[in-house]
Amino acid sequence: MTLKKITTEAVANKRVLLKVDYNIPTKTDRHNKVVTDDTRLRVTIPTLEFLIKNKAKIILTSHFGRPSGQIVEALRMDPIAKQLEKILGKKIQKINVPAGPEAETAVAQLQPGEILMLENSRFHPGEKKNDLNFAKDLAKLADIYVNDAFSSAHRAHSTVVGITKYLPAYAGFALAEEVEMLTNLTQKPKRPFVAIVGGAKISDKVEAIRNLSKVADVVLVGGGVANNFLKAEGLDVFHSYLEDKPADTKKEHISFVAVAEELIKDTKTEKMMLHGYIPLPKIIYPSDVVAADDMDHPKEKKIIDLSDGTDDERRKTWMYLDIGPKTERLFRDIILEAQTIFWNGPMGVFEQPDFASGTKAIATAIAKSSAQTIIGGGDTISAVHHLGLADRFDYISAAGGAALEFLGGKVLPGLEPLLRK
């Protein structure tokens, strides 16, 4: 995949509409909203500095939260503009509309190298519908369009797809880097390549797991995702979370347990050799779990060995909420032999101390590994930041769903217009 990247010739002295993903965590501090994680701002700095250096007039567009096409005061871009000012050390002009005559007037007053931030693009009811009238209004503001928001590239929205019908489109540095990194991950990884997939829901990961099972040497599965594989192997997961059909009723019904069963069957003859002589399955799910009677306020918890066939009556009312110590040790041993590691999704309900051990064990093992390490997904990133390990990973992808769809083999709608023909 070859992208049209920004060049000096393309951007110099131009009005540049820069698509960014500044949908970031905030909190209210003394009645003011403040940013709590500015990772997505910082990854766009190289593109912003390049545009400033080349005297472009920069117009930023991003969504923030889910205002559903209405103006929501709590979801204005102002706190994000203030945080970007701090990082860049440069004034960010902010207006209260996502497009239209007021925006055109503000752009006309911009000087080379200055930055204007438009209001939350999702305040416009046409954004999520890929409304071309909204795209046309945006196009009036600029000479070229640059997309530096890989994390939004899987969304066919006006600021991602529609706009490219009216302006020449280029890839920003952060987007191009992420595409290159994920392409290398699937096409030429250093081996052994270990993929680790967790989290609660399998629906947004199933195609990625399918594709990763073809390119990785082993796929380690934890979290709620693992329950589908346990169920596929005939094990009862009792009151544990189990997603077995899409939450979106518009999507074709599919049994994710059946998909897990199919993946186990398709990879049955493939083995990964641990320590060079111990054969292991291609897809490995927990052999023991931490179970409890309640997720939020457990009165009792227990490690359950899933190879133990005894019928414990209490087990029937419990939930599996983390991988067990035996699984932790196996996953750690596999991780420490890897040369490439991709991790998306925690191993359990890591927000609760009682069920955080598995995620902590995986994060610590990856941090100690000499492999190329790539992690992604909001919960995974939160976990490694909480553990103070974020600086121990080679690449942290904030893309989440877009990265999983890319790894699942899909051509993302936001990338198609950026391809070099």
Protein backbone atom coordinates (compact mmCIF):
# COMPACT_ATOMS: atom_id res chain seq x y z
CA MET A 1 0.00 0.00 0.00
CA THR A 2 1.61 3.23 -1.20
CA LEU A 3 0.16 6.45 0.16
CA LYS A 4 0.41 9.99 -1.19
CA LYS A 5 2.33 11.65 1.65
CA ILE A 6 2.53 15.37 2.20
CA THR A 7 5.45 17.16 0.55
CA THR A 8 6.76 20.71 0.67
CA GLU A 9 5.50 21.28 -2.87
CA ALA A 10 1.99 20.08 -1.95
CA VAL A 11 1.52 22.19 1.19
CA ALA A 12 3.70 25.31 0.89
CA ASN A 13 1.65 28.51 1.27
CA LYS A 14 -1.58 26.50 0.90
CA ARG A 15 -4.75 26.43 2.99
CA VAL A 16 -4.63 22.93 4.47
CA LEU A 17 -7.64 21.19 6.00
CA LEU A 18 -6.02 18.76 8.44
CA LYS A 19 -8.16 15.86 9.69
CA VAL A 20 -7.06 14.80 13.17
CA ASP A 21 -8.55 12.54 15.82
CA TYR A 22 -8.62 14.61 18.99
CA ASN A 23 -11.37 12.51 20.59
CA ILE A 24 -9.43 12.23 23.83
CA PRO A 25 -10.18 11.69 27.55
CA THR A 26 -11.02 14.74 29.65
CA LYS A 27 -12.20 15.42 33.19
CA THR A 28 -13.88 18.33 34.94
CA ASP A 29 -11.51 20.21 37.25
CA ARG A 30 -13.04 23.14 39.16
CA HIS A 31 -15.81 23.53 36.58
CA ASN A 32 -13.34 23.45 33.66
CA LYS A 33 -12.70 20.51 31.36
CA VAL A 34 -9.07 19.47 31.16
CA VAL A 35 -7.36 16.85 29.01
CA THR A 36 -6.19 13.75 30.89
CA ASP A 37 -4.40 11.95 28.02
CA ASP A 38 -2.96 14.00 25.14
CA THR A 39 -1.33 11.12 23.23
CA ARG A 40 -3.47 11.72 20.14
CA LEU A 41 -2.48 15.38 20.11
CA ARG A 42 1.22 14.62 20.38
CA VAL A 43 1.28 12.15 17.48
CA THR A 44 0.11 14.92 15.12
CA ILE A 45 2.88 17.36 16.11
CA PRO A 46 5.33 16.30 13.33
CA THR A 47 2.68 16.99 10.68
CA LEU A 48 1.70 20.30 12.29
CA GLU A 49 5.33 21.44 12.55
CA PHE A 50 5.93 20.52 8.90
CA LEU A 51 2.91 22.57 7.82
CA ILE A 52 3.97 25.52 9.98
CA LYS A 53 7.52 25.39 8.59
CA ASN A 54 6.11 25.48 5.05
CA LYS A 55 3.90 28.48 5.82
CA ALA A 56 0.62 26.66 5.34
CA LYS A 57 -2.61 28.04 6.76
CA ILE A 58 -3.80 25.16 8.93
CA ILE A 59 -7.47 24.35 9.57
CA LEU A 60 -8.04 21.51 12.04
CA THR A 61 -11.15 19.34 12.01
CA SER A 62 -11.93 16.61 14.54
CA HIS A 63 -14.83 15.04 16.39
CA PHE A 64 -15.06 14.83 20.17
CA GLY A 65 -17.48 12.47 21.91
CA ARG A 66 -20.94 11.58 20.58
CA PRO A 67 -23.08 14.70 20.26
CA SER A 68 -25.35 13.01 17.66
CA GLY A 69 -25.51 15.93 15.24
CA GLN A 70 -26.43 18.48 17.91
CA ILE A 71 -24.56 21.20 19.78
CA VAL A 72 -23.53 19.85 23.19
CA GLU A 73 -21.75 22.46 25.29
CA ALA A 74 -19.75 19.84 27.20
CA LEU A 75 -18.32 18.52 23.91
CA ARG A 76 -16.87 21.70 22.47
CA MET A 77 -13.24 21.60 21.29
CA ASP A 78 -12.03 24.46 23.56
CA PRO A 79 -10.15 22.38 26.20
CA ILE A 80 -8.45 20.45 23.41
CA ALA A 81 -7.36 23.67 21.68
CA LYS A 82 -5.89 24.89 24.99
CA GLN A 83 -3.93 21.67 25.49
CA LEU A 84 -2.60 21.78 21.92
CA GLU A 85 -1.45 25.36 22.56
CA LYS A 86 0.57 24.14 25.55
CA ILE A 87 2.21 21.35 23.55
CA LEU A 88 3.01 23.43 20.46
CA GLY A 89 3.80 26.66 22.28
CA LYS A 90 1.72 28.39 19.64
CA LYS A 91 -1.65 30.17 19.64
CA ILE A 92 -4.57 28.06 18.39
CA GLN A 93 -7.52 30.06 17.13
CA LYS A 94 -10.83 28.33 17.90
CA ILE A 95 -14.25 29.05 16.41
CA ASN A 96 -17.67 27.73 17.40
CA VAL A 97 -18.80 26.29 14.05
CA PRO A 98 -17.61 23.17 12.16
CA ALA A 99 -17.94 24.88 8.74
CA GLY A 100 -19.91 27.62 6.95
CA PRO A 101 -19.59 31.39 6.41
CA GLU A 102 -18.15 32.13 9.87
CA ALA A 103 -15.44 29.54 9.25
CA GLU A 104 -14.73 30.99 5.79
CA THR A 105 -14.26 34.46 7.31
CA ALA A 106 -11.90 33.09 9.97
CA VAL A 107 -9.82 31.24 7.36
CA ALA A 108 -9.58 34.39 5.21
CA GLN A 109 -7.94 36.15 8.17
CA LEU A 110 -5.36 33.41 8.79
CA GLN A 111 -1.70 34.24 8.23
CA PRO A 112 0.86 31.68 6.94
CA GLY A 113 1.82 29.26 9.71
CA GLU A 114 -1.25 30.02 11.83
CA ILE A 115 -3.71 27.40 13.08
CA LEU A 116 -7.50 27.49 13.25
CA MET A 117 -9.46 24.78 15.04
CA LEU A 118 -13.01 24.21 13.82
CA GLU A 119 -15.77 23.18 16.21
CA ASN A 120 -16.60 19.50 16.83
CA SER A 121 -17.40 18.03 13.40
CA ARG A 122 -20.10 15.80 14.90
CA PHE A 123 -22.12 18.87 15.87
CA HIS A 124 -23.09 18.80 12.18
CA PRO A 125 -25.86 16.24 11.53
CA GLY A 126 -24.29 15.30 8.19
CA GLU A 127 -20.85 14.27 9.45
CA LYS A 128 -21.59 10.63 10.27
CA LYS A 129 -23.80 10.29 7.17
CA ASN A 130 -20.92 11.29 4.87
CA ASP A 131 -23.12 14.19 3.76
CA LEU A 132 -21.62 15.74 0.63
CA ASN A 133 -23.10 19.18 1.30
CA PHE A 134 -21.16 19.30 4.57
CA ALA A 135 -18.08 18.07 2.68
CA LYS A 136 -18.51 20.87 0.13
CA ASP A 137 -18.71 23.46 2.92
CA LEU A 138 -15.48 22.10 4.37
CA ALA A 139 -13.81 22.12 0.95
CA LYS A 140 -14.48 25.87 0.63
CA LEU A 141 -12.06 26.42 3.50
CA ALA A 142 -8.95 24.86 1.94
CA ASP A 143 -6.81 24.13 -1.11
CA ILE A 144 -5.80 20.62 -0.05
CA TYR A 145 -6.85 17.99 2.49
CA VAL A 146 -4.48 16.04 4.75
CA ASN A 147 -5.61 13.07 6.83
CA ASP A 148 -3.50 12.42 9.93
CA ALA A 149 -6.18 10.43 11.77
CA PHE A 150 -5.62 6.74 11.13
CA SER A 151 -7.88 5.99 14.10
CA SER A 152 -10.82 7.43 12.12
CA ALA A 153 -9.88 5.87 8.78
CA HIS A 154 -12.45 3.08 9.13
CA ARG A 155 -15.32 5.58 9.27
CA ALA A 156 -17.03 6.73 6.05
CA HIS A 157 -17.73 10.23 7.35
CA SER A 158 -17.70 13.63 5.64
CA THR A 159 -14.37 14.68 7.17
CA VAL A 160 -12.80 11.34 6.20
CA VAL A 161 -14.27 10.34 2.83
CA GLY A 162 -16.68 12.96 1.49
CA ILE A 163 -14.15 15.77 1.60
CA THR A 164 -11.78 13.86 -0.70
CA LYS A 165 -14.23 14.26 -3.58
CA TYR A 166 -13.58 18.00 -3.61
CA LEU A 167 -9.94 18.48 -2.55
CA PRO A 168 -6.60 16.82 -3.40
CA ALA A 169 -5.96 14.36 -0.56
CA TYR A 170 -2.69 13.43 1.18
CA ALA A 171 -1.57 11.35 4.16
CA GLY A 172 -0.04 13.01 7.21
CA PHE A 173 3.08 11.62 8.86
CA ALA A 174 1.34 9.87 11.79
CA LEU A 175 -1.18 8.13 9.54
CA ALA A 176 1.52 7.02 7.09
CA GLU A 177 3.70 5.68 9.92
CA GLU A 178 0.87 3.62 11.38
CA VAL A 179 -0.07 2.14 8.00
CA GLU A 180 3.57 1.20 7.37
CA MET A 181 3.93 -0.34 10.83
CA LEU A 182 0.77 -2.45 10.53
CA THR A 183 1.64 -3.49 6.97
CA ASN A 184 5.07 -4.69 8.10
CA LEU A 185 3.43 -6.50 11.01
CA THR A 186 1.35 -8.64 8.68
CA GLN A 187 3.75 -8.97 5.74
CA LYS A 188 7.26 -9.28 7.16
CA PRO A 189 7.31 -9.70 10.95
CA LYS A 190 10.38 -10.98 12.77
CA ARG A 191 9.60 -14.44 14.08
CA PRO A 192 8.36 -15.86 16.34
CA PHE A 193 5.42 -13.46 15.95
CA VAL A 194 3.07 -13.58 18.95
CA ALA A 195 -0.37 -11.93 18.75
CA ILE A 196 -2.29 -11.37 21.98
CA VAL A 197 -6.00 -10.58 21.83
CA GLY A 198 -8.23 -9.84 24.81
CA GLY A 199 -10.99 -7.49 25.87
CA ALA A 200 -14.66 -8.13 26.44
CA LYS A 201 -16.08 -8.28 22.92
CA ILE A 202 -15.08 -10.54 20.05
CA SER A 203 -17.28 -8.87 17.41
CA ASP A 204 -14.81 -6.10 16.56
CA LYS A 205 -11.84 -8.47 16.71
CA VAL A 206 -13.02 -11.59 14.91
CA GLU A 207 -11.62 -10.72 11.46
CA ALA A 208 -8.35 -9.55 13.01
CA ILE A 209 -8.04 -12.85 14.89
CA ARG A 210 -8.78 -14.72 11.67
CA ASN A 211 -6.11 -12.81 9.77
CA LEU A 212 -3.58 -12.88 12.62
CA SER A 213 -3.98 -16.66 12.87
CA LYS A 214 -2.66 -16.83 9.29
CA VAL A 215 0.40 -14.62 9.82
CA ALA A 216 1.31 -15.01 13.51
CA ASP A 217 3.10 -18.04 14.90
CA VAL A 218 0.71 -18.14 17.85
CA VAL A 219 -2.38 -16.22 18.99
CA LEU A 220 -2.91 -15.92 22.76
CA VAL A 221 -6.52 -15.22 23.70
CA GLY A 222 -7.82 -13.81 26.99
CA GLY A 223 -10.57 -11.64 28.43
CA GLY A 224 -14.18 -12.08 27.38
CA VAL A 225 -12.96 -13.04 23.89
CA ALA A 226 -11.55 -16.27 25.36
CA ASN A 227 -15.00 -17.33 26.56
CA ASN A 228 -16.03 -17.88 22.94
CA PHE A 229 -13.13 -20.30 22.47
CA LEU A 230 -13.83 -22.08 25.77
CA LYS A 231 -17.47 -22.48 24.74
CA ALA A 232 -16.36 -23.73 21.31
CA GLU A 233 -14.37 -26.45 23.08
CA GLY A 234 -17.48 -27.58 24.94
CA LEU A 235 -16.68 -25.88 28.25
CA ASP A 236 -19.48 -24.08 30.06
CA VAL A 237 -18.66 -20.46 30.92
CA PHE A 238 -21.72 -20.13 33.17
CA HIS A 239 -22.43 -16.46 34.04
CA SER A 240 -19.31 -15.14 32.31
CA TYR A 241 -19.69 -12.50 29.62
CA LEU A 242 -20.21 -14.14 26.24
CA GLU A 243 -20.88 -12.19 23.07
CA ASP A 244 -22.35 -14.62 20.58
CA LYS A 245 -24.02 -12.30 18.08
CA PRO A 246 -23.42 -8.74 16.85
CA ALA A 247 -24.79 -5.97 19.05
CA ASP A 248 -25.77 -4.15 15.85
CA THR A 249 -29.05 -5.77 14.79
CA LYS A 250 -28.57 -4.46 11.24
CA LYS A 251 -25.61 -6.77 10.77
CA GLU A 252 -26.00 -10.31 9.55
CA HIS A 253 -26.38 -12.73 12.45
CA ILE A 254 -23.26 -14.71 13.11
CA SER A 255 -22.39 -17.05 15.95
CA PHE A 256 -19.01 -16.03 17.34
CA VAL A 257 -18.77 -19.35 19.18
CA ALA A 258 -19.10 -21.05 15.78
CA VAL A 259 -16.39 -18.74 14.41
CA ALA A 260 -14.11 -19.68 17.31
CA GLU A 261 -14.82 -23.36 16.64
CA GLU A 262 -13.95 -22.85 12.97
CA LEU A 263 -10.67 -21.10 13.85
CA ILE A 264 -9.67 -23.90 16.22
CA LYS A 265 -10.44 -26.47 13.53
CA ASP A 266 -8.62 -24.58 10.76
CA THR A 267 -5.43 -24.24 12.82
CA LYS A 268 -5.52 -27.67 14.45
CA THR A 269 -2.52 -29.05 12.55
CA GLU A 270 -0.36 -25.93 13.06
CA LYS A 271 1.95 -25.88 16.06
CA MET A 272 4.22 -23.39 17.78
CA MET A 273 7.32 -24.90 19.41
CA LEU A 274 7.97 -23.51 22.89
CA HIS A 275 11.63 -23.72 23.98
CA GLY A 276 12.23 -25.43 20.65
CA TYR A 277 10.67 -28.75 21.61
CA ILE A 278 7.25 -28.30 23.27
CA PRO A 279 4.47 -28.24 20.64
CA LEU A 280 1.63 -25.82 21.35
CA PRO A 281 -1.58 -25.06 19.42
CA LYS A 282 -1.72 -22.08 17.07
CA ILE A 283 -4.52 -20.48 19.12
CA ILE A 284 -4.11 -20.73 22.90
CA TYR A 285 -6.86 -19.81 25.36
CA PRO A 286 -6.81 -20.03 29.18
CA SER A 287 -6.32 -23.34 30.95
CA ASP A 288 -7.28 -21.74 34.26
CA VAL A 289 -9.24 -18.64 35.22
CA VAL A 290 -9.94 -16.38 38.17
CA ALA A 291 -13.67 -16.63 38.89
CA ALA A 292 -15.89 -14.77 41.33
CA ASP A 293 -19.51 -14.45 42.38
CA ASP A 294 -19.64 -10.75 41.46
CA MET A 295 -17.53 -8.48 39.27
CA ASP A 296 -17.87 -5.22 41.19
CA HIS A 297 -18.14 -6.43 44.79
CA PRO A 298 -16.87 -10.02 44.96
CA LYS A 299 -17.48 -11.78 48.26
CA GLU A 300 -15.56 -14.82 47.11
CA LYS A 301 -13.14 -15.57 44.30
CA LYS A 302 -11.44 -18.76 43.21
CA ILE A 303 -8.90 -20.03 40.69
CA ILE A 304 -10.59 -22.65 38.53
CA ASP A 305 -8.53 -25.18 36.59
CA LEU A 306 -10.51 -25.71 33.39
CA SER A 307 -8.95 -29.13 32.87
CA ASP A 308 -10.64 -30.25 36.10
CA GLY A 309 -13.88 -31.90 35.10
CA THR A 310 -15.43 -31.88 38.59
CA ASP A 311 -18.85 -30.25 38.74
CA ASP A 312 -18.65 -27.53 41.38
CA GLU A 313 -22.17 -26.25 42.04
CA ARG A 314 -20.86 -22.80 43.00
CA ARG A 315 -19.14 -22.46 39.65
CA LYS A 316 -22.52 -22.31 37.92
CA THR A 317 -23.29 -18.90 39.41
CA TRP A 318 -19.81 -17.42 38.96
CA MET A 319 -18.11 -15.40 36.25
CA TYR A 320 -14.66 -15.86 34.72
CA LEU A 321 -12.98 -12.46 35.19
CA ASP A 322 -9.25 -12.98 34.57
CA ILE A 323 -6.78 -15.55 33.33
CA GLY A 324 -5.34 -17.79 36.04
CA PRO A 325 -1.70 -18.13 37.23
CA LYS A 326 -1.00 -21.23 35.13
CA THR A 327 -2.11 -19.38 31.99
CA GLU A 328 -0.08 -16.33 33.06
CA ARG A 329 3.09 -18.45 33.24
CA LEU A 330 2.49 -20.09 29.86
CA PHE A 331 1.73 -16.78 28.14
CA ARG A 332 4.81 -15.20 29.75
CA ASP A 333 7.09 -18.00 28.53
CA ILE A 334 5.75 -17.64 24.99
CA ILE A 335 6.09 -13.85 25.06
CA LEU A 336 9.71 -13.99 26.21
CA GLU A 337 10.65 -16.09 23.15
CA ALA A 338 8.95 -13.73 20.68
CA GLN A 339 10.65 -11.40 18.21
CA THR A 340 7.44 -9.53 17.30
CA ILE A 341 4.49 -8.93 19.64
CA PHE A 342 1.10 -7.35 18.92
CA TRP A 343 -1.27 -6.90 21.86
CA ASN A 344 -4.84 -5.61 21.82
CA GLY A 345 -7.19 -6.06 24.77
CA PRO A 346 -6.74 -6.78 28.50
CA MET A 347 -6.76 -10.31 29.92
CA GLY A 348 -9.48 -9.58 32.47
CA VAL A 349 -11.45 -6.86 34.23
CA PHE A 350 -8.21 -5.01 34.96
CA GLU A 351 -9.99 -1.97 36.43
CA GLN A 352 -10.76 -4.15 39.48
CA PRO A 353 -7.62 -5.03 41.51
CA ASP A 354 -8.95 -8.55 42.12
CA PHE A 355 -8.91 -9.25 38.38
CA ALA A 356 -5.89 -7.24 37.18
CA SER A 357 -3.16 -9.84 37.66
CA GLY A 358 -3.37 -11.34 34.16
CA THR A 359 -3.17 -7.99 32.37
CA LYS A 360 -0.30 -6.89 34.62
CA ALA A 361 1.58 -10.16 33.96
CA ILE A 362 1.21 -9.80 30.19
CA ALA A 363 2.20 -6.11 30.20
CA THR A 364 5.25 -6.81 32.38
CA ALA A 365 6.37 -9.74 30.22
CA ILE A 366 6.06 -7.69 27.02
CA ALA A 367 7.94 -4.80 28.64
CA LYS A 368 10.80 -7.18 29.51
CA SER A 369 10.84 -8.74 26.05
CA SER A 370 13.52 -7.90 23.49
CA ALA A 371 10.92 -8.20 20.70
CA GLN A 372 9.46 -5.42 18.59
CA THR A 373 6.36 -4.56 20.63
CA ILE A 374 3.15 -2.97 19.37
CA ILE A 375 0.09 -2.43 21.51
CA GLY A 376 -3.30 -0.98 20.65
CA GLY A 377 -6.79 -0.35 21.93
CA GLY A 378 -7.99 2.15 24.52
CA ASP A 379 -8.24 -0.29 27.44
CA THR A 380 -4.80 -1.75 26.73
CA ILE A 381 -3.24 1.71 26.58
CA SER A 382 -4.99 2.71 29.82
CA ALA A 383 -3.65 -0.42 31.50
CA VAL A 384 -0.01 0.14 30.52
CA HIS A 385 -0.19 3.82 31.52
CA HIS A 386 -1.68 2.81 34.87
CA LEU A 387 1.17 0.32 35.35
CA GLY A 388 3.78 2.93 34.41
CA LEU A 389 5.02 0.82 31.49
CA ALA A 390 3.97 2.95 28.50
CA ASP A 391 7.55 3.97 27.68
CA ARG A 392 8.64 0.32 27.49
CA PHE A 393 6.78 -0.42 24.25
CA ASP A 394 8.08 0.35 20.76
CA TYR A 395 4.77 1.54 19.36
CA ILE A 396 1.48 2.44 21.00
CA SER A 397 -1.39 2.65 18.54
CA ALA A 398 -4.37 4.75 19.57
CA ALA A 399 -6.25 3.53 16.49
CA GLY A 400 -8.24 0.73 18.14
CA GLY A 401 -11.02 -0.26 15.73
CA ALA A 402 -9.23 1.04 12.63
CA ALA A 403 -6.12 -1.02 13.40
CA LEU A 404 -8.19 -4.16 13.98
CA GLU A 405 -10.09 -3.68 10.71
CA PHE A 406 -6.81 -3.10 8.87
CA LEU A 407 -5.33 -6.26 10.42
CA GLY A 408 -8.54 -8.03 9.43
CA GLY A 409 -7.64 -7.39 5.79
CA LYS A 410 -10.14 -4.62 5.08
CA VAL A 411 -9.35 -1.64 2.85
CA LEU A 412 -10.37 1.25 5.08
CA PRO A 413 -12.60 3.87 3.41
CA GLY A 414 -10.42 6.69 4.70
CA LEU A 415 -7.27 5.21 3.13
CA GLU A 416 -8.59 4.60 -0.38
CA PRO A 417 -8.50 8.30 -1.40
CA LEU A 418 -4.92 8.56 -0.10
CA LEU A 419 -3.51 5.74 -2.23
CA ARG A 420 -0.98 6.63 -4.90
CA LYS A 421 -2.60 5.62 -8.16
